[in-house]
N, C-alpha and C. Protein backbone atom coordinates (compact mmCIF):
# COMPACT_ATOMS: atom_id res chain seq x y z
N MET A 1 4.78 -14.13 15.59
CA MET A 1 5.49 -14.46 16.78
C MET A 1 6.30 -15.82 16.52
N ASP A 2 7.29 -16.03 17.42
CA ASP A 2 7.99 -17.24 17.44
C ASP A 2 7.49 -18.15 18.56
N VAL A 3 7.30 -19.42 18.25
CA VAL A 3 6.97 -20.35 19.34
C VAL A 3 8.16 -21.21 19.47
N THR A 4 8.65 -21.33 20.71
CA THR A 4 9.90 -22.09 21.02
C THR A 4 9.58 -23.09 22.06
N PHE A 5 10.03 -24.27 21.85
CA PHE A 5 9.81 -25.38 22.83
C PHE A 5 11.09 -25.68 23.51
N ASP A 6 11.14 -25.49 24.82
CA ASP A 6 12.28 -25.85 25.70
C ASP A 6 11.96 -27.07 26.51
N SER A 7 12.83 -27.93 26.60
CA SER A 7 12.78 -29.16 27.43
C SER A 7 11.66 -30.09 27.00
N VAL A 8 11.04 -29.84 25.85
CA VAL A 8 10.00 -30.79 25.32
C VAL A 8 10.05 -30.75 23.84
N THR A 9 9.85 -31.94 23.23
CA THR A 9 9.84 -32.02 21.75
C THR A 9 8.50 -32.50 21.34
N PRO A 10 7.71 -31.70 20.57
CA PRO A 10 6.46 -32.16 20.14
C PRO A 10 6.61 -33.05 18.97
N THR A 11 5.75 -34.02 18.91
CA THR A 11 5.72 -35.01 17.76
C THR A 11 4.29 -35.26 17.41
N ALA A 12 4.08 -35.93 16.28
CA ALA A 12 2.74 -36.24 15.88
C ALA A 12 2.04 -37.19 16.84
N ASP A 13 2.80 -38.06 17.50
CA ASP A 13 2.22 -38.97 18.43
C ASP A 13 2.09 -38.35 19.79
N ASP A 14 2.85 -37.36 20.14
CA ASP A 14 2.74 -36.64 21.40
C ASP A 14 2.81 -35.16 21.20
N PRO A 15 1.72 -34.54 20.72
CA PRO A 15 1.71 -33.09 20.49
C PRO A 15 1.72 -32.30 21.83
N VAL A 16 2.22 -31.06 21.69
CA VAL A 16 2.30 -30.24 22.95
C VAL A 16 1.20 -29.14 22.81
N ARG A 17 0.46 -29.03 23.92
CA ARG A 17 -0.58 -28.01 24.06
C ARG A 17 -0.02 -26.70 24.49
N VAL A 18 -0.31 -25.66 23.69
CA VAL A 18 0.16 -24.35 24.03
C VAL A 18 -1.02 -23.42 24.11
N THR A 19 -1.04 -22.62 25.23
CA THR A 19 -2.09 -21.68 25.53
C THR A 19 -1.68 -20.26 25.13
N PHE A 20 -2.52 -19.53 24.45
CA PHE A 20 -2.24 -18.14 24.05
C PHE A 20 -3.33 -17.19 24.61
N VAL A 21 -2.90 -15.97 24.87
CA VAL A 21 -3.88 -14.90 25.31
C VAL A 21 -4.32 -14.32 23.93
N ALA A 22 -5.66 -14.35 23.76
CA ALA A 22 -6.30 -13.83 22.56
C ALA A 22 -7.22 -12.65 22.95
N ASN A 23 -6.69 -11.48 22.97
CA ASN A 23 -7.53 -10.30 23.42
C ASN A 23 -8.55 -10.04 22.31
N ASN A 24 -9.65 -9.37 22.73
CA ASN A 24 -10.72 -9.03 21.82
C ASN A 24 -11.53 -10.21 21.25
N MET A 25 -11.43 -11.34 21.86
CA MET A 25 -12.17 -12.52 21.38
C MET A 25 -13.55 -12.46 21.95
N THR A 26 -14.56 -12.66 21.11
CA THR A 26 -15.93 -12.63 21.48
C THR A 26 -16.51 -14.05 21.17
N ASP A 27 -17.83 -14.19 21.53
CA ASP A 27 -18.50 -15.51 21.28
C ASP A 27 -18.62 -15.83 19.81
N ASN A 28 -18.53 -14.71 19.00
CA ASN A 28 -18.76 -14.90 17.57
C ASN A 28 -17.44 -14.97 16.78
N ILE A 29 -16.34 -15.03 17.48
CA ILE A 29 -14.99 -15.04 16.85
C ILE A 29 -14.28 -16.35 17.23
N GLN A 30 -13.76 -16.98 16.13
CA GLN A 30 -12.97 -18.17 16.28
C GLN A 30 -11.52 -17.74 16.12
N VAL A 31 -10.63 -18.17 17.05
CA VAL A 31 -9.27 -17.83 16.96
C VAL A 31 -8.47 -19.21 16.64
N ASP A 32 -7.78 -19.15 15.46
CA ASP A 32 -6.93 -20.32 15.03
C ASP A 32 -5.52 -19.87 15.01
N ILE A 33 -4.57 -20.81 14.77
CA ILE A 33 -3.19 -20.51 14.74
C ILE A 33 -2.61 -20.85 13.34
N LEU A 34 -1.96 -19.85 12.73
CA LEU A 34 -1.29 -20.06 11.49
C LEU A 34 0.15 -20.39 11.93
N TYR A 35 0.64 -21.58 11.55
CA TYR A 35 1.92 -22.14 12.02
C TYR A 35 2.75 -22.69 10.87
N TYR A 36 4.01 -22.35 10.87
CA TYR A 36 4.91 -22.90 9.87
C TYR A 36 5.51 -24.14 10.44
N CYS A 37 4.96 -25.28 10.00
CA CYS A 37 5.48 -26.56 10.53
C CYS A 37 6.77 -26.83 9.75
N PRO A 38 7.88 -27.16 10.43
CA PRO A 38 9.11 -27.46 9.78
C PRO A 38 8.99 -28.74 8.89
N GLU A 39 8.05 -29.56 9.17
CA GLU A 39 7.92 -30.79 8.38
C GLU A 39 6.96 -30.66 7.20
N HIS A 40 5.87 -29.88 7.40
CA HIS A 40 4.80 -29.81 6.41
C HIS A 40 4.56 -28.49 5.73
N GLY A 41 5.23 -27.46 6.20
CA GLY A 41 4.97 -26.11 5.64
C GLY A 41 3.90 -25.40 6.44
N TRP A 42 3.16 -24.45 5.82
CA TRP A 42 2.16 -23.64 6.49
C TRP A 42 0.96 -24.45 6.82
N GLU A 43 0.43 -24.38 8.07
CA GLU A 43 -0.74 -25.08 8.53
C GLU A 43 -1.59 -24.19 9.33
N VAL A 44 -2.89 -24.40 9.33
CA VAL A 44 -3.79 -23.65 10.24
C VAL A 44 -4.24 -24.72 11.37
N LEU A 45 -3.80 -24.46 12.55
CA LEU A 45 -4.17 -25.31 13.67
C LEU A 45 -5.44 -24.78 14.33
N GLN A 46 -6.40 -25.64 14.59
CA GLN A 46 -7.65 -25.18 15.13
C GLN A 46 -7.46 -24.81 16.57
N GLY A 47 -7.92 -23.62 16.97
CA GLY A 47 -7.87 -23.07 18.27
C GLY A 47 -9.02 -23.63 19.08
N GLU A 48 -8.75 -23.96 20.38
CA GLU A 48 -9.72 -24.37 21.36
C GLU A 48 -9.89 -23.29 22.38
N LYS A 49 -11.08 -22.73 22.45
CA LYS A 49 -11.40 -21.66 23.39
C LYS A 49 -11.35 -22.23 24.83
N ILE A 50 -10.51 -21.63 25.69
CA ILE A 50 -10.41 -22.05 27.10
C ILE A 50 -11.11 -21.17 28.04
N SER A 51 -11.05 -19.82 27.74
CA SER A 51 -11.71 -18.87 28.60
C SER A 51 -12.04 -17.66 27.72
N ASP A 52 -12.46 -16.50 28.31
CA ASP A 52 -12.86 -15.36 27.55
C ASP A 52 -11.72 -14.79 26.66
N ASN A 53 -10.46 -15.01 27.17
CA ASN A 53 -9.42 -14.40 26.43
C ASN A 53 -8.20 -15.36 26.23
N GLN A 54 -8.53 -16.71 26.26
CA GLN A 54 -7.44 -17.66 26.10
C GLN A 54 -7.86 -18.76 25.09
N VAL A 55 -6.90 -19.16 24.25
CA VAL A 55 -7.14 -20.20 23.26
C VAL A 55 -5.93 -21.09 23.31
N ALA A 56 -6.16 -22.36 23.02
CA ALA A 56 -5.05 -23.34 23.07
C ALA A 56 -5.07 -24.12 21.74
N ALA A 57 -3.90 -24.59 21.38
CA ALA A 57 -3.71 -25.41 20.15
C ALA A 57 -2.62 -26.43 20.41
N TYR A 58 -2.65 -27.54 19.66
CA TYR A 58 -1.70 -28.64 19.82
C TYR A 58 -0.73 -28.56 18.64
N PHE A 59 0.59 -28.43 19.04
CA PHE A 59 1.65 -28.36 18.08
C PHE A 59 2.29 -29.74 17.95
N HIS A 60 2.57 -30.21 16.74
CA HIS A 60 3.07 -31.50 16.49
C HIS A 60 4.46 -31.52 15.89
N ALA A 61 5.09 -30.38 15.84
CA ALA A 61 6.50 -30.27 15.29
C ALA A 61 7.24 -29.19 16.12
N GLY A 62 8.48 -28.94 15.71
CA GLY A 62 9.38 -28.10 16.46
C GLY A 62 9.04 -26.58 16.47
N SER A 63 9.96 -25.84 17.02
CA SER A 63 9.89 -24.40 17.11
C SER A 63 9.82 -23.75 15.75
N SER A 64 8.97 -22.73 15.60
CA SER A 64 8.85 -21.99 14.37
C SER A 64 8.06 -20.70 14.55
N VAL A 65 7.65 -20.05 13.46
CA VAL A 65 6.88 -18.86 13.51
C VAL A 65 5.42 -19.24 13.51
N MET A 66 4.60 -18.35 14.08
CA MET A 66 3.18 -18.58 14.11
C MET A 66 2.49 -17.23 14.28
N ALA A 67 1.15 -17.23 13.98
CA ALA A 67 0.35 -15.96 14.15
C ALA A 67 -1.08 -16.43 14.54
N LEU A 68 -1.74 -15.60 15.32
CA LEU A 68 -3.16 -15.87 15.66
C LEU A 68 -4.01 -15.33 14.56
N ILE A 69 -5.07 -16.14 14.14
CA ILE A 69 -6.00 -15.73 13.11
C ILE A 69 -7.35 -15.51 13.79
N TYR A 70 -7.83 -14.32 13.67
CA TYR A 70 -9.21 -14.05 14.22
C TYR A 70 -10.17 -14.03 13.02
N ARG A 71 -11.26 -14.83 13.17
CA ARG A 71 -12.26 -14.82 12.10
C ARG A 71 -13.63 -15.03 12.69
N GLU A 72 -14.66 -14.49 11.99
CA GLU A 72 -16.03 -14.67 12.46
C GLU A 72 -16.47 -16.08 12.29
N LYS A 73 -17.11 -16.66 13.30
CA LYS A 73 -17.65 -17.99 13.14
C LYS A 73 -18.68 -17.98 12.05
N GLY A 74 -18.66 -19.02 11.27
CA GLY A 74 -19.56 -19.20 10.11
C GLY A 74 -18.91 -18.56 8.84
N ALA A 75 -17.83 -17.85 8.94
CA ALA A 75 -17.21 -17.34 7.71
C ALA A 75 -16.57 -18.46 6.93
N THR A 76 -16.67 -18.38 5.65
CA THR A 76 -16.14 -19.41 4.82
C THR A 76 -14.63 -19.40 4.84
N VAL A 77 -14.02 -20.62 4.84
CA VAL A 77 -12.61 -20.72 4.80
C VAL A 77 -12.13 -21.49 3.63
N GLY A 78 -11.13 -21.11 2.93
CA GLY A 78 -10.58 -21.85 1.87
C GLY A 78 -11.33 -21.62 0.48
N THR A 79 -12.11 -20.61 0.50
CA THR A 79 -12.80 -20.32 -0.86
C THR A 79 -12.14 -19.10 -1.43
N SER A 80 -12.32 -18.87 -2.72
CA SER A 80 -11.73 -17.75 -3.34
C SER A 80 -12.59 -16.52 -3.23
N GLN A 81 -12.19 -15.63 -2.38
CA GLN A 81 -13.01 -14.44 -2.14
C GLN A 81 -12.13 -13.24 -2.54
N VAL A 82 -12.72 -12.16 -2.81
CA VAL A 82 -12.02 -10.94 -3.23
C VAL A 82 -11.75 -10.20 -1.98
N SER A 83 -10.43 -9.89 -1.74
CA SER A 83 -10.03 -9.06 -0.60
C SER A 83 -10.47 -7.67 -0.76
N PRO A 84 -11.03 -6.99 0.28
CA PRO A 84 -11.49 -5.64 0.15
C PRO A 84 -10.40 -4.68 -0.12
N GLN A 85 -9.10 -5.05 0.26
CA GLN A 85 -8.06 -4.04 -0.01
C GLN A 85 -7.29 -4.36 -1.32
N THR A 86 -7.19 -5.56 -1.69
CA THR A 86 -6.36 -5.93 -2.88
C THR A 86 -7.16 -6.52 -3.94
N GLY A 87 -8.47 -6.46 -3.83
CA GLY A 87 -9.43 -7.12 -4.81
C GLY A 87 -9.45 -6.35 -6.09
N VAL A 88 -10.25 -6.89 -7.03
CA VAL A 88 -10.43 -6.25 -8.31
C VAL A 88 -11.25 -4.97 -8.15
N ARG A 89 -10.75 -3.92 -8.71
CA ARG A 89 -11.43 -2.69 -8.65
C ARG A 89 -12.13 -2.41 -9.98
N SER A 90 -13.17 -1.65 -9.90
CA SER A 90 -13.92 -1.36 -11.11
C SER A 90 -13.10 -0.39 -11.97
N THR A 91 -13.03 -0.70 -13.24
CA THR A 91 -12.18 0.07 -14.23
C THR A 91 -12.90 1.18 -14.98
N TRP A 92 -14.23 1.26 -14.79
CA TRP A 92 -14.92 2.35 -15.54
C TRP A 92 -14.55 3.72 -15.22
N PRO A 93 -14.21 4.05 -13.96
CA PRO A 93 -13.82 5.45 -13.66
C PRO A 93 -12.46 5.80 -14.42
N ILE A 94 -11.65 4.85 -14.46
CA ILE A 94 -10.36 5.12 -15.15
C ILE A 94 -10.58 5.26 -16.68
N ALA A 95 -11.45 4.40 -17.21
CA ALA A 95 -11.82 4.40 -18.63
C ALA A 95 -12.44 5.78 -19.00
N VAL A 96 -13.42 6.25 -18.15
CA VAL A 96 -13.99 7.49 -18.42
C VAL A 96 -13.05 8.69 -18.37
N SER A 97 -12.12 8.63 -17.37
CA SER A 97 -11.10 9.70 -17.24
C SER A 97 -10.15 9.58 -18.48
N ALA A 98 -9.75 8.48 -18.94
CA ALA A 98 -8.92 8.39 -20.08
C ALA A 98 -9.55 8.94 -21.35
N ILE A 99 -10.85 8.58 -21.56
CA ILE A 99 -11.59 9.12 -22.64
C ILE A 99 -11.64 10.62 -22.65
N PHE A 100 -11.90 11.19 -21.42
CA PHE A 100 -11.97 12.62 -21.25
C PHE A 100 -10.65 13.32 -21.65
N PHE A 101 -9.57 12.80 -21.09
CA PHE A 101 -8.26 13.40 -21.29
C PHE A 101 -7.82 13.26 -22.82
N VAL A 102 -8.09 12.12 -23.34
CA VAL A 102 -7.71 11.97 -24.84
C VAL A 102 -8.55 12.93 -25.65
N SER A 103 -9.85 13.07 -25.42
CA SER A 103 -10.72 13.95 -26.09
C SER A 103 -10.29 15.43 -25.95
N PHE A 104 -9.90 15.76 -24.67
CA PHE A 104 -9.41 17.12 -24.42
C PHE A 104 -8.11 17.36 -25.22
N GLY A 105 -7.27 16.40 -25.23
CA GLY A 105 -5.92 16.52 -25.96
C GLY A 105 -6.16 16.73 -27.49
N ILE A 106 -7.13 15.94 -28.01
CA ILE A 106 -7.45 16.09 -29.42
C ILE A 106 -8.03 17.43 -29.69
N PHE A 107 -8.92 17.92 -28.85
CA PHE A 107 -9.56 19.21 -29.03
C PHE A 107 -8.49 20.33 -28.93
N ALA A 108 -7.58 20.18 -27.96
CA ALA A 108 -6.49 21.27 -27.83
C ALA A 108 -5.57 21.21 -28.99
N LEU A 109 -5.27 20.03 -29.55
CA LEU A 109 -4.40 19.96 -30.75
C LEU A 109 -5.04 20.58 -31.95
N TYR A 110 -6.36 20.26 -32.12
CA TYR A 110 -7.09 20.82 -33.18
C TYR A 110 -7.15 22.37 -33.14
N LYS A 111 -7.38 22.89 -31.95
CA LYS A 111 -7.50 24.37 -31.77
C LYS A 111 -6.12 25.01 -32.02
N SER A 112 -5.05 24.35 -31.61
CA SER A 112 -3.74 24.93 -31.80
C SER A 112 -3.30 24.92 -33.32
N LYS A 113 -3.81 24.04 -34.03
CA LYS A 113 -3.49 23.95 -35.52
C LYS A 113 -4.23 24.99 -36.29
N LYS A 114 -5.46 25.35 -35.83
CA LYS A 114 -6.26 26.40 -36.46
C LYS A 114 -5.69 27.78 -36.27
N ALA A 115 -5.07 27.97 -35.15
CA ALA A 115 -4.59 29.34 -34.76
C ALA A 115 -3.39 29.73 -35.51
């Protein structure tokens, strides 16, 4: 999403509090804001739970893009973890398949030379 500030300019000395609706937020979920700060680059702003479906954060720079981040409380942040969709996959099934097809190819070539 884009966050746009009209008639107010957030600064480090005078940040602007913005409230967001965060659907599906439970007691075990922390909602933070990923924000592209025009001055500092990408930042994660800590979300402050206001109600069952609202979270607020303080912005210290101008209008930019942002996204809500939903994570379980107690989950580690900033560590190198393997993503379940893009992580390292086991290579043994591919190796076994390759050995099978190479062996089959050698066998087929051997049989065709005998005939």
